[in-house]
Amino acid sequence: MENIQNFRSNSIRNGIILDTNLLILYLIGNYDPNFITRFRKTSNYTIDDFLILKDIVKESSKIIVTPNILTELSNHTFDGSFSGSGFDEYYKEVIDFLNNAEEKLVEKDVIKDYEKLKYFGFADISILDTSMKLECSLLTDDSALYGLTNSLSISTLNINHLRQYLWDND
């Protein structure tokens, strides 16, 4: 409970980063909540997961992305999964999101110097570095990334833990 309250107050104050999977969930849900369970990258989530995520994002002062997150977003959703006007509507959702997001570049020379790079990859290290520098919150579904950022005292929540907490307290 305390971790959730600290996360919430920090995201209100300093903003939030969504890891790529949760950013995709957020965008797909905004496009069409009923598409969540039919889309390959979000099929493990529910509309309730999206609604929880949407509430968290709504409370945050800003959403922060890195170019690495955006590349993963593009690779996972601009891959022919949509057809016709469906893609056009989703694309509009992405553009609307980007117009309101704050982008932070983590240079390759910074990323390559992280010892953990070989275990986490470029996007996760860009998330780690940005979270530390901006002291913003991170919402993830990645257990390994959660463990690393939590061990470094970065305000981090794993959506699976949040889901469990809400189920237990319902």
C-alpha atoms as a PDB file:
ATOM      1  CA  MET A   1       0.000   0.000   0.000  1.00  0.00           C
ATOM      2  CA  GLU A   2       2.727   2.476   0.933  1.00  0.00           C
ATOM      3  CA  ASN A   3       4.595   1.666  -2.282  1.00  0.00           C
ATOM      4  CA  ILE A   4       1.445   2.420  -4.289  1.00  0.00           C
ATOM      5  CA  GLN A   5       0.908   5.745  -2.501  1.00  0.00           C
ATOM      6  CA  ASN A   6       4.555   6.749  -3.009  1.00  0.00           C
ATOM      7  CA  PHE A   7       4.334   5.774  -6.675  1.00  0.00           C
ATOM      8  CA  ARG A   8       1.143   7.764  -7.107  1.00  0.00           C
ATOM      9  CA  SER A   9       2.448  10.935  -5.467  1.00  0.00           C
ATOM     10  CA  ASN A  10       5.704  10.702  -7.405  1.00  0.00           C
ATOM     11  CA  SER A  11       3.958  10.266 -10.767  1.00  0.00           C
ATOM     12  CA  ILE A  12       1.723  13.237 -10.000  1.00  0.00           C
ATOM     13  CA  ARG A  13       4.792  15.309  -9.142  1.00  0.00           C
ATOM     14  CA  ASN A  14       7.418  14.092 -11.648  1.00  0.00           C
ATOM     15  CA  GLY A  15       5.570  12.192 -14.362  1.00  0.00           C
ATOM     16  CA  ILE A  16       5.522   8.581 -15.453  1.00  0.00           C
ATOM     17  CA  ILE A  17       7.188   6.268 -17.932  1.00  0.00           C
ATOM     18  CA  LEU A  18       5.205   3.310 -19.246  1.00  0.00           C
ATOM     19  CA  ASP A  19       7.296   0.440 -20.490  1.00  0.00           C
ATOM     20  CA  THR A  20       6.567  -0.518 -24.092  1.00  0.00           C
ATOM     21  CA  ASN A  21       3.999  -3.254 -23.386  1.00  0.00           C
ATOM     22  CA  LEU A  22       1.951  -0.954 -21.170  1.00  0.00           C
ATOM     23  CA  LEU A  23       2.232   1.914 -23.629  1.00  0.00           C
ATOM     24  CA  ILE A  24       0.849  -0.408 -26.302  1.00  0.00           C
ATOM     25  CA  LEU A  25      -1.974  -1.440 -23.931  1.00  0.00           C
ATOM     26  CA  TYR A  26      -2.740   2.222 -23.261  1.00  0.00           C
ATOM     27  CA  LEU A  27      -2.834   3.147 -26.938  1.00  0.00           C
ATOM     28  CA  ILE A  28      -4.772   0.064 -28.060  1.00  0.00           C
ATOM     29  CA  GLY A  29      -7.264   0.611 -25.235  1.00  0.00           C
ATOM     30  CA  ASN A  30      -7.757   4.236 -26.224  1.00  0.00           C
ATOM     31  CA  TYR A  31      -8.228   3.136 -29.830  1.00  0.00           C
ATOM     32  CA  ASP A  32     -10.745   0.378 -28.978  1.00  0.00           C
ATOM     33  CA  PRO A  33     -10.909  -1.369 -25.579  1.00  0.00           C
ATOM     34  CA  ASN A  34     -12.539  -4.400 -27.212  1.00  0.00           C
ATOM     35  CA  PHE A  35      -9.453  -4.862 -29.395  1.00  0.00           C
ATOM     36  CA  ILE A  36      -7.203  -5.443 -26.332  1.00  0.00           C
ATOM     37  CA  THR A  37      -7.861  -9.182 -26.083  1.00  0.00           C
ATOM     38  CA  ARG A  38      -7.675  -9.649 -29.883  1.00  0.00           C
ATOM     39  CA  PHE A  39      -4.369  -7.853 -30.466  1.00  0.00           C
ATOM     40  CA  ARG A  40      -1.255 -10.050 -30.219  1.00  0.00           C
ATOM     41  CA  LYS A  41       0.760  -7.778 -27.893  1.00  0.00           C
ATOM     42  CA  THR A  42      -2.131  -7.023 -25.527  1.00  0.00           C
ATOM     43  CA  SER A  43      -4.015 -10.328 -25.511  1.00  0.00           C
ATOM     44  CA  ASN A  44      -2.760 -11.138 -21.976  1.00  0.00           C
ATOM     45  CA  TYR A  45      -4.455  -8.008 -20.623  1.00  0.00           C
ATOM     46  CA  THR A  46      -8.076  -7.188 -19.888  1.00  0.00           C
ATOM     47  CA  ILE A  47     -10.172  -4.081 -20.304  1.00  0.00           C
ATOM     48  CA  ASP A  48      -9.933  -3.710 -16.505  1.00  0.00           C
ATOM     49  CA  ASP A  49      -6.133  -3.597 -16.806  1.00  0.00           C
ATOM     50  CA  PHE A  50      -6.519  -0.821 -19.366  1.00  0.00           C
ATOM     51  CA  LEU A  51      -8.898   1.107 -17.094  1.00  0.00           C
ATOM     52  CA  ILE A  52      -6.423   0.877 -14.194  1.00  0.00           C
ATOM     53  CA  LEU A  53      -3.654   2.089 -16.499  1.00  0.00           C
ATOM     54  CA  LYS A  54      -5.807   4.898 -17.873  1.00  0.00           C
ATOM     55  CA  ASP A  55      -6.532   6.149 -14.338  1.00  0.00           C
ATOM     56  CA  ILE A  56      -2.828   6.137 -13.469  1.00  0.00           C
ATOM     57  CA  VAL A  57      -1.914   8.033 -16.634  1.00  0.00           C
ATOM     58  CA  LYS A  58      -4.719  10.544 -16.081  1.00  0.00           C
ATOM     59  CA  GLU A  59      -3.314  11.400 -12.629  1.00  0.00           C
ATOM     60  CA  SER A  60       0.286  11.744 -13.811  1.00  0.00           C
ATOM     61  CA  SER A  61       1.665  15.194 -14.501  1.00  0.00           C
ATOM     62  CA  LYS A  62       3.227  13.991 -17.754  1.00  0.00           C
ATOM     63  CA  ILE A  63       4.044  10.866 -19.707  1.00  0.00           C
ATOM     64  CA  ILE A  64       7.668  10.470 -20.669  1.00  0.00           C
ATOM     65  CA  VAL A  65       8.950   8.377 -23.575  1.00  0.00           C
ATOM     66  CA  THR A  66      12.354   7.631 -25.019  1.00  0.00           C
ATOM     67  CA  PRO A  67      13.148   7.070 -28.700  1.00  0.00           C
ATOM     68  CA  ASN A  68      13.868   3.442 -27.801  1.00  0.00           C
ATOM     69  CA  ILE A  69      10.342   2.977 -26.433  1.00  0.00           C
ATOM     70  CA  LEU A  70       8.903   4.579 -29.560  1.00  0.00           C
ATOM     71  CA  THR A  71      10.918   2.256 -31.786  1.00  0.00           C
ATOM     72  CA  GLU A  72       9.577  -0.775 -29.927  1.00  0.00           C
ATOM     73  CA  LEU A  73       6.065   0.673 -30.138  1.00  0.00           C
ATOM     74  CA  SER A  74       6.410   1.041 -33.888  1.00  0.00           C
ATOM     75  CA  ASN A  75       7.923  -2.428 -34.343  1.00  0.00           C
ATOM     76  CA  HIS A  76       5.115  -4.093 -32.389  1.00  0.00           C
ATOM     77  CA  THR A  77       2.100  -2.183 -33.686  1.00  0.00           C
ATOM     78  CA  PHE A  78       2.933  -0.869 -37.154  1.00  0.00           C
ATOM     79  CA  ASP A  79       3.412  -4.412 -38.387  1.00  0.00           C
ATOM     80  CA  GLY A  80       0.267  -5.042 -40.402  1.00  0.00           C
ATOM     81  CA  SER A  81      -1.840  -6.128 -37.416  1.00  0.00           C
ATOM     82  CA  PHE A  82      -4.483  -3.575 -38.366  1.00  0.00           C
ATOM     83  CA  SER A  83      -6.316  -3.313 -41.635  1.00  0.00           C
ATOM     84  CA  GLY A  84      -7.955  -0.431 -43.455  1.00  0.00           C
ATOM     85  CA  SER A  85      -9.463   2.349 -41.405  1.00  0.00           C
ATOM     86  CA  GLY A  86      -8.595   0.517 -38.165  1.00  0.00           C
ATOM     87  CA  PHE A  87      -4.945   1.367 -38.629  1.00  0.00           C
ATOM     88  CA  ASP A  88      -5.779   4.957 -39.539  1.00  0.00           C
ATOM     89  CA  GLU A  89      -7.736   5.354 -36.291  1.00  0.00           C
ATOM     90  CA  TYR A  90      -4.990   3.707 -34.233  1.00  0.00           C
ATOM     91  CA  TYR A  91      -2.342   5.839 -35.957  1.00  0.00           C
ATOM     92  CA  LYS A  92      -4.317   8.963 -35.052  1.00  0.00           C
ATOM     93  CA  GLU A  93      -4.372   7.772 -31.418  1.00  0.00           C
ATOM     94  CA  VAL A  94      -0.577   7.368 -31.479  1.00  0.00           C
ATOM     95  CA  ILE A  95      -0.069  10.849 -32.961  1.00  0.00           C
ATOM     96  CA  ASP A  96      -2.415  12.419 -30.405  1.00  0.00           C
ATOM     97  CA  PHE A  97      -0.457  10.669 -27.647  1.00  0.00           C
ATOM     98  CA  LEU A  98       2.891  11.839 -29.048  1.00  0.00           C
ATOM     99  CA  ASN A  99       1.659  15.427 -29.184  1.00  0.00           C
ATOM    100  CA  ASN A 100       1.209  15.309 -25.407  1.00  0.00           C
ATOM    101  CA  ALA A 101       4.150  13.120 -24.366  1.00  0.00           C
ATOM    102  CA  GLU A 102       7.551  14.404 -23.325  1.00  0.00           C
ATOM    103  CA  GLU A 103      10.484  12.751 -25.078  1.00  0.00           C
ATOM    104  CA  LYS A 104      13.848  12.274 -23.408  1.00  0.00           C
ATOM    105  CA  LEU A 105      16.843  11.108 -25.384  1.00  0.00           C
ATOM    106  CA  VAL A 106      19.374   8.839 -23.734  1.00  0.00           C
ATOM    107  CA  GLU A 107      22.437   8.881 -25.915  1.00  0.00           C
ATOM    108  CA  LYS A 108      23.982   5.633 -27.094  1.00  0.00           C
ATOM    109  CA  ASP A 109      27.226   6.452 -25.270  1.00  0.00           C
ATOM    110  CA  VAL A 110      25.280   6.566 -22.012  1.00  0.00           C
ATOM    111  CA  ILE A 111      23.350   3.359 -22.755  1.00  0.00           C
ATOM    112  CA  LYS A 112      26.410   1.358 -23.826  1.00  0.00           C
ATOM    113  CA  ASP A 113      28.199   2.150 -20.569  1.00  0.00           C
ATOM    114  CA  TYR A 114      25.562   0.470 -18.408  1.00  0.00           C
ATOM    115  CA  GLU A 115      26.874  -2.844 -17.119  1.00  0.00           C
ATOM    116  CA  LYS A 116      23.337  -4.296 -17.174  1.00  0.00           C
ATOM    117  CA  LEU A 117      22.831  -3.563 -20.899  1.00  0.00           C
ATOM    118  CA  LYS A 118      23.531  -7.140 -21.961  1.00  0.00           C
ATOM    119  CA  TYR A 119      20.737  -8.348 -19.672  1.00  0.00           C
ATOM    120  CA  PHE A 120      18.115  -5.680 -20.302  1.00  0.00           C
ATOM    121  CA  GLY A 121      18.537  -4.173 -23.764  1.00  0.00           C
ATOM    122  CA  PHE A 122      18.508  -0.637 -25.090  1.00  0.00           C
ATOM    123  CA  ALA A 123      14.890   0.308 -24.335  1.00  0.00           C
ATOM    124  CA  ASP A 124      14.993  -0.892 -20.729  1.00  0.00           C
ATOM    125  CA  ILE A 125      18.286   0.861 -20.068  1.00  0.00           C
ATOM    126  CA  SER A 126      16.901   4.074 -21.583  1.00  0.00           C
ATOM    127  CA  ILE A 127      13.910   3.701 -19.222  1.00  0.00           C
ATOM    128  CA  LEU A 128      16.216   3.085 -16.247  1.00  0.00           C
ATOM    129  CA  ASP A 129      18.445   6.066 -17.042  1.00  0.00           C
ATOM    130  CA  THR A 130      15.522   8.420 -17.659  1.00  0.00           C
ATOM    131  CA  SER A 131      13.714   7.309 -14.495  1.00  0.00           C
ATOM    132  CA  MET A 132      16.828   7.958 -12.417  1.00  0.00           C
ATOM    133  CA  LYS A 133      17.624  11.349 -13.955  1.00  0.00           C
ATOM    134  CA  LEU A 134      14.066  12.718 -13.885  1.00  0.00           C
ATOM    135  CA  GLU A 135      13.075  10.954 -10.651  1.00  0.00           C
ATOM    136  CA  CYS A 136       9.837   9.977 -12.378  1.00  0.00           C
ATOM    137  CA  SER A 137       7.760   6.867 -11.780  1.00  0.00           C
ATOM    138  CA  LEU A 138       7.920   3.720 -13.892  1.00  0.00           C
ATOM    139  CA  LEU A 139       5.012   1.384 -14.525  1.00  0.00           C
ATOM    140  CA  THR A 140       6.042  -1.950 -15.998  1.00  0.00           C
ATOM    141  CA  ASP A 141       4.965  -5.554 -16.464  1.00  0.00           C
ATOM    142  CA  ASP A 142       8.568  -6.742 -16.702  1.00  0.00           C
ATOM    143  CA  SER A 143       9.595  -8.534 -13.505  1.00  0.00           C
ATOM    144  CA  ALA A 144      13.325  -8.208 -14.164  1.00  0.00           C
ATOM    145  CA  LEU A 145      13.119  -4.480 -14.908  1.00  0.00           C
ATOM    146  CA  TYR A 146      10.907  -4.013 -11.855  1.00  0.00           C
ATOM    147  CA  GLY A 147      13.453  -5.802  -9.678  1.00  0.00           C
ATOM    148  CA  LEU A 148      16.346  -3.727 -10.993  1.00  0.00           C
ATOM    149  CA  THR A 149      14.647  -0.346 -10.716  1.00  0.00           C
ATOM    150  CA  ASN A 150      13.145  -1.152  -7.341  1.00  0.00           C
ATOM    151  CA  SER A 151      16.588  -2.158  -6.029  1.00  0.00           C
ATOM    152  CA  LEU A 152      17.849   1.266  -7.141  1.00  0.00           C
ATOM    153  CA  SER A 153      15.037   3.031  -5.226  1.00  0.00           C
ATOM    154  CA  ILE A 154      13.303   4.197  -8.405  1.00  0.00           C
ATOM    155  CA  SER A 155       9.571   4.702  -7.935  1.00  0.00           C
ATOM    156  CA  THR A 156       8.375   1.570  -9.741  1.00  0.00           C
ATOM    157  CA  LEU A 157       5.205  -0.485  -9.841  1.00  0.00           C
ATOM    158  CA  ASN A 158       4.627  -3.753 -11.624  1.00  0.00           C
ATOM    159  CA  ILE A 159       1.092  -3.742 -13.001  1.00  0.00           C
ATOM    160  CA  ASN A 160       0.765  -7.410 -12.026  1.00  0.00           C
ATOM    161  CA  HIS A 161       1.374  -6.496  -8.364  1.00  0.00           C
ATOM    162  CA  LEU A 162      -1.098  -3.638  -8.616  1.00  0.00           C
ATOM    163  CA  ARG A 163      -3.697  -5.947 -10.174  1.00  0.00           C
ATOM    164  CA  GLN A 164      -3.184  -8.459  -7.342  1.00  0.00           C
ATOM    165  CA  TYR A 165      -3.458  -5.719  -4.719  1.00  0.00           C
ATOM    166  CA  LEU A 166      -6.737  -4.505  -6.212  1.00  0.00           C
ATOM    167  CA  TRP A 167      -8.132  -8.041  -6.371  1.00  0.00           C
ATOM    168  CA  ASP A 168      -7.151  -8.718  -2.754  1.00  0.00           C
ATOM    169  CA  ASN A 169      -8.750  -5.464  -1.586  1.00  0.00           C
ATOM    170  CA  ASP A 170     -11.909  -5.608  -3.683  1.00  0.00           C
END
